Structure formats: C-alpha cells, structure tokens
PDB file of N, CA and C in Angstrom:
ATOM      1  N   MET A   1      19.306   7.440   4.943  1.00  0.00           N
ATOM      2  CA  MET A   1      18.191   7.878   4.126  1.00  0.00           C
ATOM      3  C   MET A   1      18.580   9.090   3.293  1.00  0.00           C
ATOM      4  N   GLN A   2      19.419   9.938   3.848  1.00  0.00           N
ATOM      5  CA  GLN A   2      19.836  11.123   3.111  1.00  0.00           C
ATOM      6  C   GLN A   2      20.562  10.734   1.819  1.00  0.00           C
ATOM      7  N   VAL A   3      21.388   9.702   1.895  1.00  0.00           N
ATOM      8  CA  VAL A   3      22.096   9.247   0.699  1.00  0.00           C
ATOM      9  C   VAL A   3      21.103   8.777  -0.355  1.00  0.00           C
ATOM     10  N   LEU A   4      20.119   7.986   0.042  1.00  0.00           N
ATOM     11  CA  LEU A   4      19.114   7.524  -0.921  1.00  0.00           C
ATOM     12  C   LEU A   4      18.390   8.700  -1.569  1.00  0.00           C
ATOM     13  N   ARG A   5      18.125   9.716  -0.796  1.00  0.00           N
ATOM     14  CA  ARG A   5      17.352  10.851  -1.290  1.00  0.00           C
ATOM     15  C   ARG A   5      18.177  11.840  -2.105  1.00  0.00           C
ATOM     16  N   GLU A   6      19.459  12.019  -1.774  1.00  0.00           N
ATOM     17  CA  GLU A   6      20.192  13.163  -2.319  1.00  0.00           C
ATOM     18  C   GLU A   6      21.453  12.848  -3.119  1.00  0.00           C
ATOM     19  N   HIS A   7      22.052  11.669  -2.952  1.00  0.00           N
ATOM     20  CA  HIS A   7      23.323  11.411  -3.633  1.00  0.00           C
ATOM     21  C   HIS A   7      23.110  11.336  -5.135  1.00  0.00           C
ATOM     22  N   HIS A   8      23.884  12.105  -5.883  1.00  0.00           N
ATOM     23  CA  HIS A   8      23.683  12.224  -7.333  1.00  0.00           C
ATOM     24  C   HIS A   8      23.944  10.926  -8.089  1.00  0.00           C
ATOM     25  N   SER A   9      24.754  10.031  -7.547  1.00  0.00           N
ATOM     26  CA  SER A   9      25.062   8.765  -8.227  1.00  0.00           C
ATOM     27  C   SER A   9      24.169   7.609  -7.794  1.00  0.00           C
ATOM     28  N   MET A  10      23.276   7.852  -6.866  1.00  0.00           N
ATOM     29  CA  MET A  10      22.423   6.783  -6.350  1.00  0.00           C
ATOM     30  C   MET A  10      21.347   6.443  -7.377  1.00  0.00           C
ATOM     31  N   VAL A  11      21.377   5.207  -7.843  1.00  0.00           N
ATOM     32  CA  VAL A  11      20.392   4.753  -8.823  1.00  0.00           C
ATOM     33  C   VAL A  11      19.080   4.399  -8.134  1.00  0.00           C
ATOM     34  N   LEU A  12      19.175   3.652  -7.035  1.00  0.00           N
ATOM     35  CA  LEU A  12      17.971   3.292  -6.284  1.00  0.00           C
ATOM     36  C   LEU A  12      17.597   4.416  -5.333  1.00  0.00           C
ATOM     37  N   ARG A  13      16.344   4.707  -5.289  1.00  0.00           N
ATOM     38  CA  ARG A  13      15.817   5.749  -4.397  1.00  0.00           C
ATOM     39  C   ARG A  13      14.881   5.117  -3.378  1.00  0.00           C
ATOM     40  N   GLU A  14      14.512   5.883  -2.400  1.00  0.00           N
ATOM     41  CA  GLU A  14      13.675   5.396  -1.305  1.00  0.00           C
ATOM     42  C   GLU A  14      12.406   4.702  -1.814  1.00  0.00           C
ATOM     43  N   GLU A  15      11.797   5.225  -2.846  1.00  0.00           N
ATOM     44  CA  GLU A  15      10.546   4.665  -3.346  1.00  0.00           C
ATOM     45  C   GLU A  15      10.723   3.312  -4.038  1.00  0.00           C
ATOM     46  N   HIS A  16      11.956   2.896  -4.289  1.00  0.00           N
ATOM     47  CA  HIS A  16      12.219   1.610  -4.924  1.00  0.00           C
ATOM     48  C   HIS A  16      12.218   0.445  -3.933  1.00  0.00           C
ATOM     49  N   PHE A  17      12.127   0.727  -2.655  1.00  0.00           N
ATOM     50  CA  PHE A  17      12.199  -0.297  -1.619  1.00  0.00           C
ATOM     51  C   PHE A  17      10.836  -0.513  -0.979  1.00  0.00           C
ATOM     52  N   ALA A  18      10.505  -1.770  -0.698  1.00  0.00           N
ATOM     53  CA  ALA A  18       9.265  -2.078   0.017  1.00  0.00           C
ATOM     54  C   ALA A  18       9.382  -1.666   1.472  1.00  0.00           C
ATOM     55  N   ALA A  19      10.591  -1.778   2.023  1.00  0.00           N
ATOM     56  CA  ALA A  19      10.828  -1.397   3.423  1.00  0.00           C
ATOM     57  C   ALA A  19      12.309  -1.138   3.629  1.00  0.00           C
ATOM     58  N   ILE A  20      12.606  -0.192   4.467  1.00  0.00           N
ATOM     59  CA  ILE A  20      13.974   0.103   4.884  1.00  0.00           C
ATOM     60  C   ILE A  20      13.946   0.136   6.392  1.00  0.00           C
ATOM     61  N   TRP A  21      14.780  -0.679   7.028  1.00  0.00           N
ATOM     62  CA  TRP A  21      14.697  -0.877   8.460  1.00  0.00           C
ATOM     63  C   TRP A  21      16.027  -0.636   9.143  1.00  0.00           C
ATOM     64  N   PRO A  22      16.431   0.609   9.335  1.00  0.00           N
ATOM     65  CA  PRO A  22      17.703   0.873  10.030  1.00  0.00           C
ATOM     66  C   PRO A  22      17.489   0.935  11.543  1.00  0.00           C
ATOM     67  N   THR A  23      17.362  -0.226  12.174  1.00  0.00           N
ATOM     68  CA  THR A  23      17.077  -0.268  13.609  1.00  0.00           C
ATOM     69  C   THR A  23      18.132  -1.068  14.349  1.00  0.00           C
ATOM     70  N   GLY A  24      17.998  -1.127  15.645  1.00  0.00           N
ATOM     71  CA  GLY A  24      18.886  -1.919  16.468  1.00  0.00           C
ATOM     72  C   GLY A  24      18.434  -3.362  16.616  1.00  0.00           C
ATOM     73  N   THR A  25      17.295  -3.698  16.044  1.00  0.00           N
ATOM     74  CA  THR A  25      16.788  -5.067  16.092  1.00  0.00           C
ATOM     75  C   THR A  25      17.670  -5.947  15.209  1.00  0.00           C
ATOM     76  N   PRO A  26      17.956  -7.178  15.632  1.00  0.00           N
ATOM     77  CA  PRO A  26      18.775  -8.059  14.793  1.00  0.00           C
ATOM     78  C   PRO A  26      18.203  -8.208  13.385  1.00  0.00           C
ATOM     79  N   SER A  27      19.078  -8.183  12.408  1.00  0.00           N
ATOM     80  CA  SER A  27      18.660  -8.239  10.998  1.00  0.00           C
ATOM     81  C   SER A  27      17.820  -9.462  10.696  1.00  0.00           C
ATOM     82  N   ARG A  28      18.192 -10.603  11.249  1.00  0.00           N
ATOM     83  CA  ARG A  28      17.437 -11.831  11.017  1.00  0.00           C
ATOM     84  C   ARG A  28      15.986 -11.651  11.429  1.00  0.00           C
ATOM     85  N   GLN A  29      15.783 -11.063  12.579  1.00  0.00           N
ATOM     86  CA  GLN A  29      14.427 -10.835  13.086  1.00  0.00           C
ATOM     87  C   GLN A  29      13.675  -9.853  12.190  1.00  0.00           C
ATOM     88  N   ASN A  30      14.351  -8.793  11.752  1.00  0.00           N
ATOM     89  CA  ASN A  30      13.717  -7.828  10.843  1.00  0.00           C
ATOM     90  C   ASN A  30      13.258  -8.489   9.552  1.00  0.00           C
ATOM     91  N   MET A  31      14.082  -9.365   9.001  1.00  0.00           N
ATOM     92  CA  MET A  31      13.723 -10.025   7.741  1.00  0.00           C
ATOM     93  C   MET A  31      12.504 -10.925   7.935  1.00  0.00           C
ATOM     94  N   GLN A  32      12.449 -11.619   9.044  1.00  0.00           N
ATOM     95  CA  GLN A  32      11.299 -12.480   9.305  1.00  0.00           C
ATOM     96  C   GLN A  32      10.023 -11.662   9.478  1.00  0.00           C
ATOM     97  N   ILE A  33      10.117 -10.561  10.196  1.00  0.00           N
ATOM     98  CA  ILE A  33       8.957  -9.683  10.399  1.00  0.00           C
ATOM     99  C   ILE A  33       8.491  -9.106   9.066  1.00  0.00           C
ATOM    100  N   LEU A  34       9.435  -8.618   8.276  1.00  0.00           N
ATOM    101  CA  LEU A  34       9.093  -8.029   6.982  1.00  0.00           C
ATOM    102  C   LEU A  34       8.389  -9.044   6.085  1.00  0.00           C
ATOM    103  N   ALA A  35       8.927 -10.240   5.987  1.00  0.00           N
ATOM    104  CA  ALA A  35       8.316 -11.272   5.144  1.00  0.00           C
ATOM    105  C   ALA A  35       6.883 -11.556   5.578  1.00  0.00           C
ATOM    106  N   GLU A  36       6.674 -11.622   6.875  1.00  0.00           N
ATOM    107  CA  GLU A  36       5.318 -11.853   7.383  1.00  0.00           C
ATOM    108  C   GLU A  36       4.400 -10.674   7.081  1.00  0.00           C
ATOM    109  N   GLN A  37       4.891  -9.449   7.285  1.00  0.00           N
ATOM    110  CA  GLN A  37       4.052  -8.264   7.100  1.00  0.00           C
ATOM    111  C   GLN A  37       3.608  -8.075   5.661  1.00  0.00           C
ATOM    112  N   ILE A  38       4.499  -8.347   4.716  1.00  0.00           N
ATOM    113  CA  ILE A  38       4.108  -8.135   3.317  1.00  0.00           C
ATOM    114  C   ILE A  38       3.760  -9.443   2.611  1.00  0.00           C
ATOM    115  N   ASN A  39       3.679 -10.525   3.422  1.00  0.00           N
ATOM    116  CA  ASN A  39       3.189 -11.818   2.957  1.00  0.00           C
ATOM    117  C   ASN A  39       3.983 -12.373   1.773  1.00  0.00           C
ATOM    118  N   ILE A  40       5.297 -12.463   1.965  1.00  0.00           N
ATOM    119  CA  ILE A  40       6.162 -13.073   0.954  1.00  0.00           C
ATOM    120  C   ILE A  40       7.091 -14.071   1.647  1.00  0.00           C
ATOM    121  N   GLY A  41       7.705 -14.929   0.865  1.00  0.00           N
ATOM    122  CA  GLY A  41       8.665 -15.878   1.407  1.00  0.00           C
ATOM    123  C   GLY A  41      10.013 -15.218   1.651  1.00  0.00           C
ATOM    124  N   LEU A  42      10.775 -15.790   2.559  1.00  0.00           N
ATOM    125  CA  LEU A  42      12.115 -15.275   2.825  1.00  0.00           C
ATOM    126  C   LEU A  42      12.994 -15.329   1.577  1.00  0.00           C
ATOM    127  N   ASP A  43      12.709 -16.251   0.680  1.00  0.00           N
ATOM    128  CA  ASP A  43      13.490 -16.368  -0.547  1.00  0.00           C
ATOM    129  C   ASP A  43      13.218 -15.231  -1.532  1.00  0.00           C
ATOM    130  N   SER A  44      12.307 -14.338  -1.199  1.00  0.00           N
ATOM    131  CA  SER A  44      12.023 -13.160  -2.023  1.00  0.00           C
ATOM    132  C   SER A  44      12.744 -11.916  -1.520  1.00  0.00           C
ATOM    133  N   LEU A  45      13.509 -12.047  -0.434  1.00  0.00           N
ATOM    134  CA  LEU A  45      14.161 -10.895   0.183  1.00  0.00           C
ATOM    135  C   LEU A  45      15.648 -10.833  -0.164  1.00  0.00           C
ATOM    136  N   VAL A  46      16.158  -9.616  -0.188  1.00  0.00           N
ATOM    137  CA  VAL A  46      17.582  -9.365  -0.373  1.00  0.00           C
ATOM    138  C   VAL A  46      18.073  -8.558   0.820  1.00  0.00           C
ATOM    139  N   PHE A  47      19.147  -9.027   1.437  1.00  0.00           N
ATOM    140  CA  PHE A  47      19.768  -8.346   2.569  1.00  0.00           C
ATOM    141  C   PHE A  47      21.069  -7.732   2.079  1.00  0.00           C
ATOM    142  N   VAL A  48      21.187  -6.393   2.198  1.00  0.00           N
ATOM    143  CA  VAL A  48      22.384  -5.676   1.768  1.00  0.00           C
ATOM    144  C   VAL A  48      23.012  -5.029   2.990  1.00  0.00           C
ATOM    145  N   ASP A  49      24.291  -5.333   3.216  1.00  0.00           N
ATOM    146  CA  ASP A  49      24.987  -4.771   4.378  1.00  0.00           C
ATOM    147  C   ASP A  49      26.469  -4.653   4.047  1.00  0.00           C
ATOM    148  N   ASP A  50      27.090  -3.580   4.530  1.00  0.00           N
ATOM    149  CA  ASP A  50      28.518  -3.399   4.278  1.00  0.00           C
ATOM    150  C   ASP A  50      29.389  -4.159   5.274  1.00  0.00           C
ATOM    151  N   ASN A  51      28.776  -4.761   6.282  1.00  0.00           N
ATOM    152  CA  ASN A  51      29.506  -5.483   7.313  1.00  0.00           C
ATOM    153  C   ASN A  51      29.572  -6.969   6.963  1.00  0.00           C
ATOM    154  N   PRO A  52      30.781  -7.509   6.711  1.00  0.00           N
ATOM    155  CA  PRO A  52      30.884  -8.927   6.339  1.00  0.00           C
ATOM    156  C   PRO A  52      30.407  -9.875   7.437  1.00  0.00           C
ATOM    157  N   VAL A  53      30.539  -9.483   8.686  1.00  0.00           N
ATOM    158  CA  VAL A  53      30.064 -10.321   9.791  1.00  0.00           C
ATOM    159  C   VAL A  53      28.540 -10.426   9.740  1.00  0.00           C
ATOM    160  N   GLU A  54      27.863  -9.299   9.512  1.00  0.00           N
ATOM    161  CA  GLU A  54      26.397  -9.305   9.416  1.00  0.00           C
ATOM    162  C   GLU A  54      25.933 -10.136   8.226  1.00  0.00           C
ATOM    163  N   ARG A  55      26.639 -10.014   7.108  1.00  0.00           N
ATOM    164  CA  ARG A  55      26.266 -10.805   5.933  1.00  0.00           C
ATOM    165  C   ARG A  55      26.407 -12.298   6.218  1.00  0.00           C
ATOM    166  N   GLN A  56      27.487 -12.690   6.866  1.00  0.00           N
ATOM    167  CA  GLN A  56      27.696 -14.102   7.169  1.00  0.00           C
ATOM    168  C   GLN A  56      26.652 -14.623   8.154  1.00  0.00           C
ATOM    169  N   LEU A  57      26.322 -13.812   9.149  1.00  0.00           N
ATOM    170  CA  LEU A  57      25.273 -14.205  10.094  1.00  0.00           C
ATOM    171  C   LEU A  57      23.943 -14.435   9.382  1.00  0.00           C
ATOM    172  N   MET A  58      23.611 -13.548   8.452  1.00  0.00           N
ATOM    173  CA  MET A  58      22.359 -13.704   7.711  1.00  0.00           C
ATOM    174  C   MET A  58      22.387 -14.997   6.900  1.00  0.00           C
ATOM    175  N   ARG A  59      23.506 -15.271   6.251  1.00  0.00           N
ATOM    176  CA  ARG A  59      23.612 -16.509   5.466  1.00  0.00           C
ATOM    177  C   ARG A  59      23.424 -17.741   6.347  1.00  0.00           C
ATOM    178  N   GLN A  60      23.974 -17.700   7.552  1.00  0.00           N
ATOM    179  CA  GLN A  60      23.871 -18.836   8.460  1.00  0.00           C
ATOM    180  C   GLN A  60      22.471 -18.970   9.043  1.00  0.00           C
ATOM    181  N   MET A  61      21.876 -17.857   9.442  1.00  0.00           N
ATOM    182  CA  MET A  61      20.592 -17.897  10.151  1.00  0.00           C
ATOM    183  C   MET A  61      19.399 -18.030   9.214  1.00  0.00           C
ATOM    184  N   LEU A  62      19.465 -17.372   8.063  1.00  0.00           N
ATOM    185  CA  LEU A  62      18.353 -17.416   7.100  1.00  0.00           C
ATOM    186  C   LEU A  62      18.920 -17.659   5.703  1.00  0.00           C
ATOM    187  N   PRO A  63      19.300 -18.878   5.397  1.00  0.00           N
ATOM    188  CA  PRO A  63      19.923 -19.157   4.098  1.00  0.00           C
ATOM    189  C   PRO A  63      19.009 -18.909   2.893  1.00  0.00           C
ATOM    190  N   GLN A  64      17.710 -18.769   3.132  1.00  0.00           N
ATOM    191  CA  GLN A  64      16.776 -18.500   2.026  1.00  0.00           C
ATOM    192  C   GLN A  64      16.926 -17.069   1.500  1.00  0.00           C
ATOM    193  N   VAL A  65      17.431 -16.168   2.326  1.00  0.00           N
ATOM    194  CA  VAL A  65      17.548 -14.755   1.971  1.00  0.00           C
ATOM    195  C   VAL A  65      18.798 -14.540   1.114  1.00  0.00           C
ATOM    196  N   GLU A  66      18.649 -13.848   0.018  1.00  0.00           N
ATOM    197  CA  GLU A  66      19.800 -13.465  -0.821  1.00  0.00           C
ATOM    198  C   GLU A  66      20.597 -12.411  -0.073  1.00  0.00           C
ATOM    199  N   VAL A  67      21.913 -12.564  -0.014  1.00  0.00           N
ATOM    200  CA  VAL A  67      22.770 -11.654   0.733  1.00  0.00           C
ATOM    201  C   VAL A  67      23.755 -10.988  -0.214  1.00  0.00           C
ATOM    202  N   SER A  68      23.927  -9.671  -0.052  1.00  0.00           N
ATOM    203  CA  SER A  68      24.827  -8.923  -0.920  1.00  0.00           C
ATOM    204  C   SER A  68      25.493  -7.807  -0.136  1.00  0.00           C
ATOM    205  N   ARG A  69      26.558  -7.293  -0.692  1.00  0.00           N
ATOM    206  CA  ARG A  69      27.187  -6.113  -0.120  1.00  0.00           C
ATOM    207  C   ARG A  69      26.902  -4.946  -1.049  1.00  0.00           C
ATOM    208  N   PRO A  70      26.943  -3.736  -0.513  1.00  0.00           N
ATOM    209  CA  PRO A  70      26.688  -2.569  -1.368  1.00  0.00           C
ATOM    210  C   PRO A  70      27.746  -2.467  -2.470  1.00  0.00           C
ATOM    211  N   ALA A  71      27.346  -1.943  -3.579  1.00  0.00           N
ATOM    212  CA  ALA A  71      28.284  -1.748  -4.700  1.00  0.00           C
ATOM    213  C   ALA A  71      29.243  -0.619  -4.407  1.00  0.00           C
TER     214      ALA A  71
END
C-alpha cells in the first residue's frame, strides 16, 4: 500500500481500485468473493501478480479473469 500511496512513478493510486486484497486467502477465492460483493462477473476482473505460479493458477482455476503481471 505504501508504494501505491508514495512511489513517485506510480500511475495508479489506491483510489483507482475497487478493492485491494493482500491476504493469505487463496487468490481464486478472493476473486470470487469480490465479484459477488460488487455484483460483477468474473470476466470484469483483472488479477495482477508478480508470481508466475499464482498467475498460472488463476488462469487454470478462473479462466474468465484477465491475468497480468506488474509492469
């Protein structure tokens, strides 16, 4: 969160996100909960993670979710 708030090169800020969920809960479960809470389809979500294993798991478990790595 500190990077989002303070890094001078960060284009996206905290207020640009509907939700930020840095928890120990599996990402797949977080995405499903988020979609339900804000009443949108999984195909409206983007999952960004620097871990290639996590990205691949998301692609396998929830193929509707757009998956990306940080720039």
